[in-house]
Amino acid sequence: MAALLERLLHTYGYFAVFAVIALENVGLLVPGETILISAAIFAATTHELNVIAIVITATVAALAGSIGGWAIGRYGERHLHRYGRYLHLDERDLRLGRYLFRRYGGRLVFVARFVAFLRALAGVLAGLNRMESTRFMLFSGLGAASWAAVFGFGAYALGRELEALSARGSILIGFAVVVAAIAGFRFIQHNRARLQQEADQMADDS
């Protein structure tokens, strides 16, 4: 994966960053956050790309993709119920989305940027729940800019540090990142299960 991303970034540069992040935010489960982090580290270690341009590209791509996802949810609900499996959406996922938007409203669109299982589907779910377009674009734009800045500049700083470290130090940091990623994934999965249970309970009570 790392070698593939490096080839993509070397060959296509900002276009690769834009395309992958936009596709993720439309609703496809592609590694948008991974390519943002990889691009920032690539910029720090090779100086072929500019980190500010990467962050701007990621922000625009995330917003554009999420608007596309919103349009799919807003105007294609009937098709979502029929073909949602191609976006890895089933009836329980749609029920969870309705529950989360009813509970958190626009704040969810902002926070979803930082939650793996919600980021790709936030736009679709916002459209499905009839969130007003300008309000959606406001929260989505703020979330996209914050997400791109946090992960883009953060990964760039990490890349600069890696340049100055010995190979042993780099391995230790890499191991720590993997452990943190696994812990974060388990935390997300645990909370998803809890929220799904609450959504199912709400549906049963209604």
C-alpha atoms as a PDB file:
ATOM      1  CA  MET A   1       0.000   0.000   0.000  1.00  0.00           C
ATOM      2  CA  ALA A   2       2.762   2.453   0.944  1.00  0.00           C
ATOM      3  CA  ALA A   3       4.634   1.806  -2.310  1.00  0.00           C
ATOM      4  CA  LEU A   4       1.437   2.215  -4.347  1.00  0.00           C
ATOM      5  CA  LEU A   5       0.590   5.525  -2.677  1.00  0.00           C
ATOM      6  CA  GLU A   6       4.129   6.788  -3.219  1.00  0.00           C
ATOM      7  CA  ARG A   7       3.902   5.947  -6.929  1.00  0.00           C
ATOM      8  CA  LEU A   8       0.530   7.671  -7.186  1.00  0.00           C
ATOM      9  CA  LEU A   9       1.840  10.795  -5.486  1.00  0.00           C
ATOM     10  CA  HIS A  10       5.032  10.854  -7.545  1.00  0.00           C
ATOM     11  CA  THR A  11       3.115  10.413 -10.822  1.00  0.00           C
ATOM     12  CA  TYR A  12      -0.126  12.316 -10.260  1.00  0.00           C
ATOM     13  CA  GLY A  13       0.644  14.591  -7.307  1.00  0.00           C
ATOM     14  CA  TYR A  14      -2.234  16.791  -6.157  1.00  0.00           C
ATOM     15  CA  PHE A  15      -4.658  15.157  -8.594  1.00  0.00           C
ATOM     16  CA  ALA A  16      -4.241  11.822  -6.769  1.00  0.00           C
ATOM     17  CA  VAL A  17      -4.958  13.531  -3.441  1.00  0.00           C
ATOM     18  CA  PHE A  18      -8.047  15.250  -4.846  1.00  0.00           C
ATOM     19  CA  ALA A  19      -9.445  12.169  -6.592  1.00  0.00           C
ATOM     20  CA  VAL A  20      -9.126   9.736  -3.675  1.00  0.00           C
ATOM     21  CA  ILE A  21     -10.475  12.158  -1.054  1.00  0.00           C
ATOM     22  CA  ALA A  22     -13.371  13.270  -3.277  1.00  0.00           C
ATOM     23  CA  LEU A  23     -14.349   9.656  -4.000  1.00  0.00           C
ATOM     24  CA  GLU A  24     -14.256   8.812  -0.302  1.00  0.00           C
ATOM     25  CA  ASN A  25     -16.560  11.708   0.531  1.00  0.00           C
ATOM     26  CA  VAL A  26     -19.037  10.734  -2.177  1.00  0.00           C
ATOM     27  CA  GLY A  27     -19.493   7.523  -0.203  1.00  0.00           C
ATOM     28  CA  LEU A  28     -16.909   5.075  -1.545  1.00  0.00           C
ATOM     29  CA  LEU A  29     -14.744   3.284   0.989  1.00  0.00           C
ATOM     30  CA  VAL A  30     -11.348   4.366  -0.329  1.00  0.00           C
ATOM     31  CA  PRO A  31      -8.394   5.527   1.848  1.00  0.00           C
ATOM     32  CA  GLY A  32      -8.900   9.295   1.813  1.00  0.00           C
ATOM     33  CA  GLU A  33      -7.284   9.978   5.171  1.00  0.00           C
ATOM     34  CA  THR A  34      -4.424   7.625   4.349  1.00  0.00           C
ATOM     35  CA  ILE A  35      -3.538   9.463   1.146  1.00  0.00           C
ATOM     36  CA  LEU A  36      -3.710  12.834   2.933  1.00  0.00           C
ATOM     37  CA  ILE A  37      -1.265  11.647   5.599  1.00  0.00           C
ATOM     38  CA  SER A  38       0.933   9.941   3.002  1.00  0.00           C
ATOM     39  CA  ALA A  39       0.995  13.057   0.803  1.00  0.00           C
ATOM     40  CA  ALA A  40       2.014  15.269   3.727  1.00  0.00           C
ATOM     41  CA  ILE A  41       4.826  12.906   4.760  1.00  0.00           C
ATOM     42  CA  PHE A  42       5.820  12.602   1.082  1.00  0.00           C
ATOM     43  CA  ALA A  43       6.033  16.404   0.888  1.00  0.00           C
ATOM     44  CA  ALA A  44       8.188  16.553   4.011  1.00  0.00           C
ATOM     45  CA  THR A  45      10.625  13.859   2.914  1.00  0.00           C
ATOM     46  CA  THR A  46      10.879  14.451  -0.851  1.00  0.00           C
ATOM     47  CA  HIS A  47       9.910  18.139  -1.209  1.00  0.00           C
ATOM     48  CA  GLU A  48       8.099  17.290  -4.472  1.00  0.00           C
ATOM     49  CA  LEU A  49       4.784  18.655  -3.153  1.00  0.00           C
ATOM     50  CA  ASN A  50       3.857  21.657  -1.010  1.00  0.00           C
ATOM     51  CA  VAL A  51       2.033  20.922   2.240  1.00  0.00           C
ATOM     52  CA  ILE A  52      -0.136  24.059   2.061  1.00  0.00           C
ATOM     53  CA  ALA A  53      -1.282  23.075  -1.428  1.00  0.00           C
ATOM     54  CA  ILE A  54      -1.985  19.552  -0.139  1.00  0.00           C
ATOM     55  CA  VAL A  55      -4.179  20.879   2.689  1.00  0.00           C
ATOM     56  CA  ILE A  56      -6.083  23.191   0.317  1.00  0.00           C
ATOM     57  CA  THR A  57      -6.537  20.364  -2.209  1.00  0.00           C
ATOM     58  CA  ALA A  58      -7.791  18.011   0.513  1.00  0.00           C
ATOM     59  CA  THR A  59     -10.240  20.625   1.828  1.00  0.00           C
ATOM     60  CA  VAL A  60     -11.729  21.335  -1.607  1.00  0.00           C
ATOM     61  CA  ALA A  61     -11.895  17.624  -2.469  1.00  0.00           C
ATOM     62  CA  ALA A  62     -13.576  16.699   0.809  1.00  0.00           C
ATOM     63  CA  LEU A  63     -16.179  19.456   0.432  1.00  0.00           C
ATOM     64  CA  ALA A  64     -16.855  18.705  -3.249  1.00  0.00           C
ATOM     65  CA  GLY A  65     -17.183  14.983  -2.598  1.00  0.00           C
ATOM     66  CA  SER A  66     -19.478  15.464   0.377  1.00  0.00           C
ATOM     67  CA  ILE A  67     -21.758  17.750  -1.681  1.00  0.00           C
ATOM     68  CA  GLY A  68     -21.984  14.946  -4.223  1.00  0.00           C
ATOM     69  CA  GLY A  69     -22.808  12.520  -1.426  1.00  0.00           C
ATOM     70  CA  TRP A  70     -25.462  14.924  -0.092  1.00  0.00           C
ATOM     71  CA  ALA A  71     -27.074  15.096  -3.546  1.00  0.00           C
ATOM     72  CA  ILE A  72     -27.137  11.288  -3.762  1.00  0.00           C
ATOM     73  CA  GLY A  73     -28.842  11.039  -0.385  1.00  0.00           C
ATOM     74  CA  ARG A  74     -31.225  13.944  -1.011  1.00  0.00           C
ATOM     75  CA  TYR A  75     -32.458  12.953  -4.453  1.00  0.00           C
ATOM     76  CA  GLY A  76     -31.719   9.247  -4.648  1.00  0.00           C
ATOM     77  CA  GLU A  77     -33.257   7.792  -1.481  1.00  0.00           C
ATOM     78  CA  ARG A  78     -35.247   5.199  -3.397  1.00  0.00           C
ATOM     79  CA  HIS A  79     -32.106   3.996  -5.143  1.00  0.00           C
ATOM     80  CA  LEU A  80     -30.146   3.969  -1.883  1.00  0.00           C
ATOM     81  CA  HIS A  81     -32.546   1.453  -0.390  1.00  0.00           C
ATOM     82  CA  ARG A  82     -32.161  -0.663  -3.504  1.00  0.00           C
ATOM     83  CA  TYR A  83     -28.467  -0.263  -4.337  1.00  0.00           C
ATOM     84  CA  GLY A  84     -27.015   0.917  -1.020  1.00  0.00           C
ATOM     85  CA  ARG A  85     -25.019  -2.291  -0.707  1.00  0.00           C
ATOM     86  CA  TYR A  86     -22.624  -0.917  -3.329  1.00  0.00           C
ATOM     87  CA  LEU A  87     -21.783   1.844  -0.848  1.00  0.00           C
ATOM     88  CA  HIS A  88     -21.746  -0.736   1.960  1.00  0.00           C
ATOM     89  CA  LEU A  89     -25.008   0.739   3.266  1.00  0.00           C
ATOM     90  CA  ASP A  90     -27.763  -1.521   4.521  1.00  0.00           C
ATOM     91  CA  GLU A  91     -31.030  -0.746   6.298  1.00  0.00           C
ATOM     92  CA  ARG A  92     -29.352  -0.770   9.719  1.00  0.00           C
ATOM     93  CA  ASP A  93     -26.764   1.772   8.528  1.00  0.00           C
ATOM     94  CA  LEU A  94     -29.523   4.046   7.226  1.00  0.00           C
ATOM     95  CA  ARG A  95     -31.357   3.671  10.530  1.00  0.00           C
ATOM     96  CA  LEU A  96     -28.163   4.582  12.400  1.00  0.00           C
ATOM     97  CA  GLY A  97     -27.725   7.646  10.197  1.00  0.00           C
ATOM     98  CA  ARG A  98     -31.262   8.849  10.887  1.00  0.00           C
ATOM     99  CA  TYR A  99     -30.737   8.371  14.616  1.00  0.00           C
ATOM    100  CA  LEU A 100     -27.428  10.262  14.661  1.00  0.00           C
ATOM    101  CA  PHE A 101     -28.783  13.217  12.686  1.00  0.00           C
ATOM    102  CA  ARG A 102     -31.872  13.378  14.879  1.00  0.00           C
ATOM    103  CA  ARG A 103     -29.678  13.389  17.973  1.00  0.00           C
ATOM    104  CA  TYR A 104     -26.756  15.618  16.910  1.00  0.00           C
ATOM    105  CA  GLY A 105     -27.913  17.584  13.848  1.00  0.00           C
ATOM    106  CA  GLY A 106     -25.341  19.703  12.021  1.00  0.00           C
ATOM    107  CA  ARG A 107     -22.631  19.007  14.589  1.00  0.00           C
ATOM    108  CA  LEU A 108     -22.471  15.463  13.259  1.00  0.00           C
ATOM    109  CA  VAL A 109     -21.355  16.659   9.809  1.00  0.00           C
ATOM    110  CA  PHE A 110     -18.395  18.457  11.391  1.00  0.00           C
ATOM    111  CA  VAL A 111     -17.414  15.668  13.791  1.00  0.00           C
ATOM    112  CA  ALA A 112     -17.874  12.962  11.133  1.00  0.00           C
ATOM    113  CA  ARG A 113     -14.694  14.180   9.426  1.00  0.00           C
ATOM    114  CA  PHE A 114     -12.697  12.677  12.263  1.00  0.00           C
ATOM    115  CA  VAL A 115     -14.613   9.370  12.557  1.00  0.00           C
ATOM    116  CA  ALA A 116     -13.616   6.640  10.118  1.00  0.00           C
ATOM    117  CA  PHE A 117     -16.965   4.923   9.584  1.00  0.00           C
ATOM    118  CA  LEU A 118     -18.887   8.220   9.290  1.00  0.00           C
ATOM    119  CA  ARG A 119     -16.580  10.319   7.118  1.00  0.00           C
ATOM    120  CA  ALA A 120     -17.372   8.505   3.874  1.00  0.00           C
ATOM    121  CA  LEU A 121     -21.122   8.476   4.487  1.00  0.00           C
ATOM    122  CA  ALA A 122     -21.805  11.803   6.217  1.00  0.00           C
ATOM    123  CA  GLY A 123     -22.838  13.552   3.000  1.00  0.00           C
ATOM    124  CA  VAL A 124     -25.136  10.740   1.889  1.00  0.00           C
ATOM    125  CA  LEU A 125     -26.746  10.520   5.324  1.00  0.00           C
ATOM    126  CA  ALA A 126     -27.156  14.318   5.543  1.00  0.00           C
ATOM    127  CA  GLY A 127     -28.987  14.340   2.218  1.00  0.00           C
ATOM    128  CA  LEU A 128     -31.062  11.351   3.224  1.00  0.00           C
ATOM    129  CA  ASN A 129     -32.132  13.198   6.359  1.00  0.00           C
ATOM    130  CA  ARG A 130     -33.077  16.326   4.338  1.00  0.00           C
ATOM    131  CA  MET A 131     -30.418  18.570   5.883  1.00  0.00           C
ATOM    132  CA  GLU A 132     -30.694  22.048   4.317  1.00  0.00           C
ATOM    133  CA  SER A 133     -27.996  22.528   1.658  1.00  0.00           C
ATOM    134  CA  THR A 134     -26.389  25.781   2.854  1.00  0.00           C
ATOM    135  CA  ARG A 135     -26.279  24.551   6.451  1.00  0.00           C
ATOM    136  CA  PHE A 136     -24.727  21.303   5.276  1.00  0.00           C
ATOM    137  CA  MET A 137     -22.083  23.113   3.215  1.00  0.00           C
ATOM    138  CA  LEU A 138     -21.204  25.351   6.181  1.00  0.00           C
ATOM    139  CA  PHE A 139     -20.636  22.466   8.607  1.00  0.00           C
ATOM    140  CA  SER A 140     -19.050  20.286   5.933  1.00  0.00           C
ATOM    141  CA  GLY A 141     -16.684  23.048   4.812  1.00  0.00           C
ATOM    142  CA  LEU A 142     -15.584  23.834   8.363  1.00  0.00           C
ATOM    143  CA  GLY A 143     -15.100  20.151   9.071  1.00  0.00           C
ATOM    144  CA  ALA A 144     -13.171  19.587   5.834  1.00  0.00           C
ATOM    145  CA  ALA A 145     -10.797  22.487   6.516  1.00  0.00           C
ATOM    146  CA  SER A 146     -10.208  21.399  10.127  1.00  0.00           C
ATOM    147  CA  TRP A 147      -9.659  17.760   9.165  1.00  0.00           C
ATOM    148  CA  ALA A 148      -7.273  18.593   6.322  1.00  0.00           C
ATOM    149  CA  ALA A 149      -5.272  20.998   8.492  1.00  0.00           C
ATOM    150  CA  VAL A 150      -4.993  18.664  11.497  1.00  0.00           C
ATOM    151  CA  PHE A 151      -3.939  15.589   9.538  1.00  0.00           C
ATOM    152  CA  GLY A 152      -2.052  17.402   6.776  1.00  0.00           C
ATOM    153  CA  PHE A 153       0.111  19.666   8.925  1.00  0.00           C
ATOM    154  CA  GLY A 154       0.386  17.029  11.652  1.00  0.00           C
ATOM    155  CA  ALA A 155       1.666  14.390   9.233  1.00  0.00           C
ATOM    156  CA  TYR A 156       4.013  16.931   7.644  1.00  0.00           C
ATOM    157  CA  ALA A 157       5.536  17.694  11.051  1.00  0.00           C
ATOM    158  CA  LEU A 158       5.919  13.959  11.666  1.00  0.00           C
ATOM    159  CA  GLY A 159       7.611  13.564   8.290  1.00  0.00           C
ATOM    160  CA  ARG A 160      10.107  16.304   9.134  1.00  0.00           C
ATOM    161  CA  GLU A 161      10.913  14.546  12.399  1.00  0.00           C
ATOM    162  CA  LEU A 162      11.343  11.202  10.648  1.00  0.00           C
ATOM    163  CA  GLU A 163      13.989  12.749   8.399  1.00  0.00           C
ATOM    164  CA  ALA A 164      16.073  13.588  11.446  1.00  0.00           C
ATOM    165  CA  LEU A 165      15.639  10.245  13.239  1.00  0.00           C
ATOM    166  CA  SER A 166      17.735   7.143  13.012  1.00  0.00           C
ATOM    167  CA  ALA A 167      16.237   4.036  11.383  1.00  0.00           C
ATOM    168  CA  ARG A 168      15.614   2.548  14.831  1.00  0.00           C
ATOM    169  CA  GLY A 169      13.726   5.628  15.964  1.00  0.00           C
ATOM    170  CA  SER A 170      11.636   5.588  12.792  1.00  0.00           C
ATOM    171  CA  ILE A 171      10.669   1.964  13.407  1.00  0.00           C
ATOM    172  CA  LEU A 172       9.612   2.759  16.980  1.00  0.00           C
ATOM    173  CA  ILE A 173       7.435   5.655  15.824  1.00  0.00           C
ATOM    174  CA  GLY A 174       5.945   3.508  13.084  1.00  0.00           C
ATOM    175  CA  PHE A 175       5.092   0.825  15.643  1.00  0.00           C
ATOM    176  CA  ALA A 176       3.492   3.421  17.931  1.00  0.00           C
ATOM    177  CA  VAL A 177       1.386   4.750  15.042  1.00  0.00           C
ATOM    178  CA  VAL A 178       0.155   1.233  14.208  1.00  0.00           C
ATOM    179  CA  VAL A 179      -0.750   0.547  17.855  1.00  0.00           C
ATOM    180  CA  ALA A 180      -2.598   3.877  18.090  1.00  0.00           C
ATOM    181  CA  ALA A 181      -4.474   3.139  14.854  1.00  0.00           C
ATOM    182  CA  ILE A 182      -5.577  -0.285  16.116  1.00  0.00           C
ATOM    183  CA  ALA A 183      -6.700   1.189  19.443  1.00  0.00           C
ATOM    184  CA  GLY A 184      -8.616   3.935  17.630  1.00  0.00           C
ATOM    185  CA  PHE A 185     -10.299   1.416  15.340  1.00  0.00           C
ATOM    186  CA  ARG A 186     -11.417  -0.716  18.302  1.00  0.00           C
ATOM    187  CA  PHE A 187     -12.763   2.379  20.089  1.00  0.00           C
ATOM    188  CA  ILE A 188     -14.722   3.400  16.978  1.00  0.00           C
ATOM    189  CA  GLN A 189     -16.142  -0.090  16.486  1.00  0.00           C
ATOM    190  CA  HIS A 190     -17.228  -0.258  20.141  1.00  0.00           C
ATOM    191  CA  ASN A 191     -19.023   3.075  19.918  1.00  0.00           C
ATOM    192  CA  ARG A 192     -20.589   2.181  16.580  1.00  0.00           C
ATOM    193  CA  ALA A 193     -22.067  -0.959  18.146  1.00  0.00           C
ATOM    194  CA  ARG A 194     -23.458   1.076  21.042  1.00  0.00           C
ATOM    195  CA  LEU A 195     -24.962   3.736  18.769  1.00  0.00           C
ATOM    196  CA  GLN A 196     -26.399   1.065  16.469  1.00  0.00           C
ATOM    197  CA  GLN A 197     -28.114  -0.538  19.461  1.00  0.00           C
ATOM    198  CA  GLU A 198     -29.610   2.823  20.465  1.00  0.00           C
ATOM    199  CA  ALA A 199     -30.789   3.423  16.883  1.00  0.00           C
ATOM    200  CA  ASP A 200     -32.413  -0.022  16.719  1.00  0.00           C
ATOM    201  CA  GLN A 201     -34.127   0.607  20.055  1.00  0.00           C
ATOM    202  CA  MET A 202     -35.491   3.951  18.827  1.00  0.00           C
ATOM    203  CA  ALA A 203     -36.843   2.266  15.688  1.00  0.00           C
ATOM    204  CA  ASP A 204     -38.528  -0.449  17.753  1.00  0.00           C
ATOM    205  CA  ASP A 205     -40.135   2.142  20.047  1.00  0.00           C
ATOM    206  CA  SER A 206     -41.464   4.288  17.177  1.00  0.00           C
END
